[in-house]
Protein backbone atom coordinates (compact mmCIF):
# COMPACT_ATOMS: atom_id res chain seq x y z
CA MET A 1 -10.65 3.52 -27.45
CA ALA A 2 -12.99 4.05 -24.50
CA ASP A 3 -11.62 3.64 -20.99
CA VAL A 4 -12.02 0.15 -19.52
CA ARG A 5 -12.93 -0.02 -15.84
CA ILE A 6 -12.78 -3.34 -14.03
CA LEU A 7 -14.14 -4.17 -10.60
CA ALA A 8 -11.78 -6.74 -9.07
CA ILE A 9 -12.14 -9.01 -6.03
CA GLU A 10 -9.38 -10.81 -4.13
CA SER A 11 -9.95 -13.31 -1.28
CA SER A 12 -7.31 -16.00 -1.71
CA CYS A 13 -6.00 -15.91 1.87
CA ASP A 14 -6.72 -13.53 4.75
CA GLU A 15 -7.40 -10.19 3.06
CA THR A 16 -10.87 -9.35 1.77
CA ALA A 17 -10.16 -6.88 -1.02
CA ALA A 18 -11.93 -5.08 -3.84
CA ALA A 19 -10.74 -2.42 -6.27
CA VAL A 20 -11.69 -0.54 -9.40
CA VAL A 21 -8.88 -0.24 -11.96
CA GLU A 22 -8.99 1.79 -15.16
CA ASN A 23 -7.07 0.64 -18.25
CA GLY A 24 -4.93 -1.74 -16.20
CA ARG A 25 -2.79 1.02 -14.72
CA LYS A 26 -4.89 3.63 -12.92
CA VAL A 27 -6.30 2.72 -9.51
CA LEU A 28 -9.65 4.39 -8.84
CA SER A 29 -10.11 2.58 -5.53
CA ASN A 30 -8.30 -0.12 -3.57
CA ILE A 31 -10.04 -1.36 -0.42
CA ILE A 32 -8.43 -4.00 1.81
CA SER A 33 -9.96 -5.51 4.94
CA SER A 34 -7.15 -7.32 6.75
CA GLN A 35 -7.56 -10.20 9.18
CA ILE A 36 -4.04 -10.06 10.60
CA ASP A 37 -5.15 -9.13 14.13
CA ILE A 38 -7.44 -12.17 14.28
CA HIS A 39 -4.95 -14.71 12.94
CA THR A 40 -2.11 -13.32 15.08
CA LEU A 41 -3.92 -14.83 18.08
CA TYR A 42 -3.40 -18.29 16.54
CA GLY A 43 0.13 -17.77 15.23
CA GLY A 44 -0.92 -18.06 11.58
CA VAL A 45 -3.86 -18.11 9.20
CA VAL A 46 -6.74 -20.39 10.24
CA PRO A 47 -8.55 -21.27 6.97
CA GLU A 48 -12.01 -21.71 8.50
CA ILE A 49 -11.84 -18.35 10.26
CA ALA A 50 -10.54 -16.67 7.09
CA SER A 51 -13.51 -17.98 5.08
CA ARG A 52 -16.01 -16.82 7.68
CA LYS A 53 -14.51 -13.33 7.84
CA HIS A 54 -14.52 -13.05 4.03
CA THR A 55 -18.22 -13.89 4.07
CA GLU A 56 -18.87 -11.19 6.67
CA ARG A 57 -16.87 -8.48 4.92
CA ILE A 58 -17.04 -8.97 1.16
CA ASN A 59 -20.30 -7.14 0.48
CA PHE A 60 -19.15 -4.07 2.42
CA VAL A 61 -15.68 -4.07 0.80
CA VAL A 62 -17.07 -4.27 -2.74
CA ARG A 63 -19.58 -1.53 -2.02
CA GLU A 64 -16.84 0.71 -0.60
CA ALA A 65 -14.64 0.09 -3.66
CA LEU A 66 -17.43 1.23 -6.00
CA ASP A 67 -18.37 4.20 -3.79
CA THR A 68 -14.75 5.36 -3.49
CA ALA A 69 -14.39 5.20 -7.28
CA GLY A 70 -17.63 7.13 -7.65
CA LEU A 71 -19.16 4.40 -9.79
CA SER A 72 -22.04 1.96 -9.80
CA ILE A 73 -21.80 -1.65 -10.95
CA GLN A 74 -23.33 -0.57 -14.26
CA ASP A 75 -20.41 1.81 -14.84
CA VAL A 76 -17.78 -0.95 -14.89
CA ASP A 77 -16.98 -3.09 -17.93
CA ALA A 78 -16.23 -6.40 -16.19
CA VAL A 79 -16.02 -8.18 -12.84
CA ALA A 80 -12.68 -9.89 -12.13
CA VAL A 81 -11.84 -12.30 -9.34
CA THR A 82 -8.95 -14.42 -8.09
CA TYR A 83 -9.87 -18.09 -8.59
CA GLY A 84 -6.57 -19.67 -7.56
CA PRO A 85 -4.23 -20.60 -6.09
CA GLY A 86 -5.05 -20.08 -2.42
CA LEU A 87 -7.19 -21.41 0.42
CA VAL A 88 -10.16 -23.17 -1.13
CA GLY A 89 -12.77 -21.82 1.29
CA ALA A 90 -11.46 -18.28 1.03
CA LEU A 91 -11.34 -18.44 -2.77
CA LEU A 92 -14.89 -19.77 -2.92
CA VAL A 93 -16.24 -16.71 -1.11
CA GLY A 94 -14.74 -14.33 -3.68
CA VAL A 95 -15.57 -16.46 -6.71
CA SER A 96 -19.18 -17.01 -5.62
CA PHE A 97 -19.71 -13.31 -4.92
CA ALA A 98 -18.13 -12.25 -8.22
CA LYS A 99 -20.23 -14.75 -10.19
CA GLY A 100 -23.42 -13.54 -8.55
CA LEU A 101 -22.52 -9.90 -9.16
CA ALA A 102 -21.58 -10.51 -12.80
CA PHE A 103 -24.75 -12.50 -13.46
CA ALA A 104 -27.05 -9.97 -11.80
CA SER A 105 -25.46 -6.99 -13.56
CA GLY A 106 -24.95 -8.64 -16.93
CA LYS A 107 -21.22 -7.89 -16.83
CA PRO A 108 -18.58 -10.31 -18.14
CA LEU A 109 -16.67 -12.39 -15.59
CA ILE A 110 -12.87 -12.74 -15.69
CA GLY A 111 -11.03 -15.28 -13.53
CA VAL A 112 -7.48 -14.22 -12.66
CA HIS A 113 -4.44 -16.20 -11.50
CA HIS A 114 -3.25 -14.86 -8.14
CA ILE A 115 0.48 -14.97 -9.02
CA GLU A 116 -0.10 -13.18 -12.33
CA GLY A 117 -1.86 -10.51 -10.30
CA HIS A 118 1.26 -10.02 -8.17
CA ILE A 119 3.37 -9.55 -11.30
CA CYS A 120 0.91 -7.00 -12.72
CA ALA A 121 1.07 -5.00 -9.48
CA ASN A 122 4.20 -3.45 -10.97
CA PHE A 123 2.12 -1.84 -13.73
CA LEU A 124 0.17 0.15 -11.13
CA ASP A 125 3.22 2.03 -9.87
CA HIS A 126 5.20 1.98 -13.12
CA PRO A 127 3.00 2.81 -16.14
CA GLU A 128 6.09 2.81 -18.36
CA LEU A 129 6.90 -0.86 -17.65
CA GLU A 130 6.21 -3.17 -20.60
CA PRO A 131 7.05 -6.83 -21.29
CA PRO A 132 9.32 -8.60 -21.78
CA PHE A 133 11.03 -8.68 -18.38
CA PRO A 134 12.01 -11.26 -15.73
CA CYS A 135 10.21 -11.09 -12.39
CA LEU A 136 10.68 -12.69 -8.98
CA VAL A 137 7.42 -13.33 -7.11
CA VAL A 138 8.08 -13.91 -3.40
CA SER A 139 5.21 -14.28 -0.94
CA GLY A 140 3.87 -16.40 1.89
CA GLY A 141 2.66 -19.09 -0.46
CA HIS A 142 4.77 -18.64 -3.59
CA THR A 143 8.35 -18.25 -4.74
CA ASN A 144 8.59 -18.09 -8.54
CA LEU A 145 11.27 -16.77 -10.85
CA VAL A 146 9.63 -16.08 -14.21
CA ARG A 147 10.07 -14.25 -17.48
CA VAL A 148 7.10 -12.22 -18.64
CA LYS A 149 7.28 -12.59 -22.42
CA ASP A 150 4.06 -10.68 -23.04
CA TYR A 151 0.87 -9.84 -21.19
CA GLY A 152 -0.44 -13.17 -19.97
CA VAL A 153 2.46 -15.11 -21.52
CA ILE A 154 4.75 -16.21 -18.69
CA GLU A 155 7.66 -18.64 -18.70
CA VAL A 156 8.51 -20.17 -15.33
CA LEU A 157 12.30 -20.34 -14.91
CA GLY A 158 12.36 -21.62 -11.34
CA GLN A 159 10.18 -22.10 -8.29
CA THR A 160 10.29 -23.43 -4.76
CA LYS A 161 10.22 -27.20 -4.40
CA ASP A 162 8.78 -27.08 -0.87
CA ASP A 163 8.25 -24.11 1.45
CA ALA A 164 7.79 -20.65 -0.01
CA ALA A 165 10.18 -17.96 1.25
CA GLY A 166 7.41 -16.14 3.12
CA GLU A 167 6.30 -19.36 4.77
CA ALA A 168 9.86 -19.93 5.97
CA PHE A 169 9.93 -16.40 7.42
CA ASP A 170 6.73 -17.10 9.37
CA LYS A 171 7.97 -20.45 10.73
CA VAL A 172 11.37 -19.11 11.78
CA ALA A 173 9.78 -16.05 13.38
CA ARG A 174 7.48 -18.33 15.38
CA ALA A 175 10.42 -20.52 16.44
CA ILE A 176 12.38 -17.58 17.87
CA GLY A 177 9.32 -16.13 19.57
CA LEU A 178 8.58 -13.16 17.32
CA GLY A 179 5.03 -14.18 16.45
CA TYR A 180 2.93 -13.68 13.33
CA PRO A 181 3.29 -12.27 10.70
CA GLY A 182 6.94 -13.25 10.60
CA GLY A 183 8.30 -11.34 7.61
CA PRO A 184 8.05 -7.77 8.94
CA LYS A 185 9.20 -8.85 12.41
CA ILE A 186 12.33 -10.60 11.13
CA ASP A 187 13.06 -7.67 8.81
CA LYS A 188 12.95 -5.28 11.78
CA ILE A 189 14.89 -7.29 14.38
CA SER A 190 17.58 -8.15 11.81
CA ASP A 191 18.83 -4.58 12.06
CA GLU A 192 20.00 -5.40 15.60
CA GLY A 193 21.79 -8.62 14.63
CA ASP A 194 24.90 -9.78 12.82
CA PRO A 195 24.01 -11.44 9.48
CA LEU A 196 27.37 -13.27 9.53
CA ALA A 197 26.97 -14.64 13.05
CA ILE A 198 25.59 -18.03 11.95
CA GLU A 199 26.21 -19.86 8.70
CA PHE A 200 22.91 -21.31 7.53
CA PRO A 201 22.58 -23.23 4.23
CA LYS A 202 21.22 -21.52 1.14
CA GLY A 203 17.94 -22.65 -0.35
CA LYS A 204 19.43 -24.07 -3.53
CA VAL A 205 18.34 -27.22 -5.36
CA ARG A 206 21.04 -29.55 -6.65
CA ASP A 207 21.19 -29.80 -10.47
CA SER A 208 18.46 -27.15 -10.80
CA VAL A 209 19.82 -23.70 -11.59
CA TYR A 210 16.82 -21.52 -10.77
CA ASP A 211 14.72 -23.56 -8.33
CA PHE A 212 14.55 -22.91 -4.59
CA SER A 213 14.15 -25.03 -1.45
CA PHE A 214 13.61 -23.38 1.91
CA SER A 215 12.59 -26.44 3.94
CA GLY A 216 16.21 -27.39 4.67
CA LEU A 217 17.06 -23.84 5.71
CA LYS A 218 14.09 -23.77 8.06
CA SER A 219 15.18 -27.11 9.56
CA ALA A 220 18.74 -25.82 9.98
CA VAL A 221 17.46 -22.87 12.01
CA LEU A 222 15.32 -25.16 14.19
CA ASN A 223 18.27 -27.52 14.73
CA TYR A 224 20.48 -24.58 15.73
CA LEU A 225 17.89 -23.40 18.25
CA ASN A 226 17.51 -26.91 19.69
CA SER A 227 21.27 -27.41 19.99
CA CYS A 228 21.63 -24.09 21.82
CA GLU A 229 18.82 -25.01 24.19
CA MET A 230 20.33 -28.44 24.94
CA ALA A 231 23.74 -26.89 25.59
CA GLY A 232 22.30 -24.18 27.78
CA LYS A 233 23.62 -21.55 25.38
CA GLU A 234 21.90 -18.16 25.22
CA ILE A 235 20.18 -17.53 21.87
CA ASN A 236 20.61 -14.14 20.25
CA ARG A 237 17.34 -13.79 18.37
CA ALA A 238 18.57 -10.84 16.33
CA ASP A 239 21.61 -12.81 15.11
CA VAL A 240 19.44 -15.79 14.19
CA ALA A 241 16.98 -13.57 12.31
CA ALA A 242 19.69 -11.64 10.50
CA SER A 243 21.62 -14.78 9.50
CA PHE A 244 18.47 -16.54 8.30
CA GLN A 245 17.39 -13.49 6.32
CA ARG A 246 20.83 -13.18 4.73
CA SER A 247 20.61 -16.78 3.50
CA VAL A 248 17.19 -16.17 1.94
CA VAL A 249 18.14 -12.86 0.33
CA GLU A 250 21.37 -14.29 -1.10
CA VAL A 251 19.76 -17.24 -2.87
CA LEU A 252 16.92 -15.10 -4.25
CA THR A 253 19.27 -12.47 -5.65
CA GLU A 254 21.83 -14.98 -6.93
CA HIS A 255 19.25 -16.91 -8.95
CA ALA A 256 17.70 -13.73 -10.29
CA PHE A 257 21.01 -12.26 -11.44
CA GLU A 258 22.04 -15.57 -13.00
CA ALA A 259 18.80 -15.50 -15.02
CA LEU A 260 19.42 -11.89 -16.03
CA GLU A 261 22.95 -12.70 -17.17
CA GLU A 262 21.71 -15.59 -19.28
CA SER A 263 18.83 -13.66 -20.88
CA GLY A 264 20.60 -10.34 -21.34
CA ASP A 265 17.51 -8.45 -20.12
CA LYS A 266 18.12 -4.94 -18.79
CA VAL A 267 14.89 -4.74 -16.78
CA PHE A 268 13.94 -6.66 -13.63
CA ALA A 269 10.83 -6.65 -11.45
CA LEU A 270 10.09 -7.86 -7.93
CA ALA A 271 6.61 -8.72 -6.62
CA GLY A 272 4.72 -10.42 -3.78
CA GLY A 273 4.42 -9.85 -0.04
CA VAL A 274 8.11 -10.53 0.69
CA ALA A 275 8.96 -7.82 -1.87
CA SER A 276 8.20 -5.43 1.01
CA ASN A 277 11.25 -6.78 2.86
CA ARG A 278 13.68 -3.85 3.08
CA HIS A 279 16.83 -5.96 3.00
CA LEU A 280 15.68 -7.83 -0.11
CA ARG A 281 14.78 -4.60 -1.89
CA GLU A 282 18.09 -2.98 -1.01
CA ALA A 283 19.99 -6.03 -2.26
CA PHE A 284 18.18 -5.88 -5.61
CA GLU A 285 18.52 -2.11 -5.87
CA LYS A 286 22.28 -2.31 -5.39
CA GLY A 287 22.75 -5.39 -7.57
CA CYS A 288 20.70 -3.96 -10.43
CA LYS A 289 22.45 -0.60 -10.23
CA ASP A 290 25.87 -2.27 -10.34
CA ARG A 291 24.82 -4.19 -13.47
CA GLY A 292 23.09 -1.31 -15.25
CA ILE A 293 19.65 -2.93 -14.91
CA SER A 294 16.42 -0.99 -14.36
CA PHE A 295 14.75 -2.27 -11.19
CA TYR A 296 11.00 -2.14 -10.56
CA ARG A 297 9.00 -3.07 -7.49
CA PRO A 298 5.52 -2.10 -6.32
CA GLU A 299 4.85 0.08 -3.31
CA PRO A 300 4.18 -2.02 -0.17
CA VAL A 301 0.38 -1.66 -0.46
CA TYR A 302 0.55 -3.46 -3.82
CA CYS A 303 3.02 -6.11 -2.60
CA THR A 304 0.69 -7.80 -0.15
CA ASP A 305 -2.58 -9.30 -1.39
CA ASN A 306 -4.85 -6.66 -2.91
CA ALA A 307 -7.52 -6.44 -5.59
CA ALA A 308 -5.95 -3.64 -7.65
CA MET A 309 -3.33 -6.08 -8.94
CA ILE A 310 -6.13 -8.46 -9.96
CA GLY A 311 -7.81 -5.64 -11.87
CA ALA A 312 -4.53 -4.87 -13.64
CA ALA A 313 -4.10 -8.48 -14.78
CA ALA A 314 -7.76 -8.76 -15.79
CA TYR A 315 -7.51 -5.73 -18.09
CA TYR A 316 -5.13 -7.51 -20.45
CA GLN A 317 -7.33 -10.62 -20.42
CA TYR A 318 -10.30 -8.37 -21.22
CA LEU A 319 -8.49 -6.88 -24.22
CA LYS A 320 -7.77 -10.39 -25.54
CA GLY A 321 -11.45 -11.27 -25.28
CA GLU A 322 -10.90 -13.77 -22.47
CA ARG A 323 -14.04 -14.39 -20.43
CA SER A 324 -14.86 -16.93 -17.74
CA PRO A 325 -18.04 -19.02 -17.69
CA MET A 326 -20.49 -18.99 -14.81
CA SER A 327 -19.19 -22.48 -14.03
CA LEU A 328 -15.90 -20.89 -12.86
CA ASN A 329 -14.77 -22.58 -9.67
CA ALA A 330 -12.05 -22.04 -7.06
CA VAL A 331 -8.84 -23.94 -7.87
CA PRO A 332 -6.62 -23.92 -4.75
CA GLY A 333 -3.68 -25.59 -6.52
CA LEU A 334 -3.97 -23.69 -9.81
CA ALA A 335 -0.90 -24.28 -11.98
CA PHE A 336 1.15 -21.33 -13.15
CA GLY A 337 3.00 -20.41 -16.34
CA ASN A 338 2.55 -21.43 -19.95
CA ASN A 339 6.07 -21.47 -21.43
CA LYS A 340 4.77 -20.24 -24.79
């Protein structure tokens, strides 16, 4: 079979990204234009600014992805793009550009689910990984515990009922004065704190084994900070960060290992932006080793939003003959999972 090369575009939030991926596993180029410096000024992502920056950068990013791969648009077999979930304005920039490029070049268009892209990021670093396997996707906008039954066939075991884990990291970081983005800052300062200093609640959901809820945990941290301020008590930011992080890591790992015990799977994968968190990775590495489970996670560059993961997911859709019409639109609240 001839090699399949896919040009992929990702613009669901604040990274303008394009990549060329060969056969779903080999990255020929992976270009990411980040907006973090801009949004840091506002303490978080401003959707209108994100959309405008995508518009300014997307043509250059796509061109660089093709040039780095040493290819022209005629050398690729399909154009893939994230069409949801995400910020509607940001998604529209990528979808519109991909549709125009596919139409002008006569290449097929493939719309990709953002969360499925995160899962497929593991294939880029681990060519030997094959379904079935359970996977935990943890990012700024998503927290999903799933079982990948086959390529494109995903059963959702549990998910957050309110805030995503990454969103909680950002809000807590802002509350203790660390700024944006919160995840890396909390991960770093936690090394200086005592994770047992403060007992925060875990993000569990009553009568729901695998679901998560981080809104209550976030509120507990805010209440603790307010009570300290009212009592004139000095706040140890490192202790707050470490204790909060411990609560998040514990509920994520507990649910994942409960799912592994029930399924009997001997392989587990981690994905999403929060998968870069060192404490979370170490907890899974140790827990999986103790249980004789093979643990997979992407390198940090493939954890945060990128287009290579979209190209990986699109490859398996391409093989199944899945194509998107030119009427493809951005779907900010795109549902996930099929439970087939």
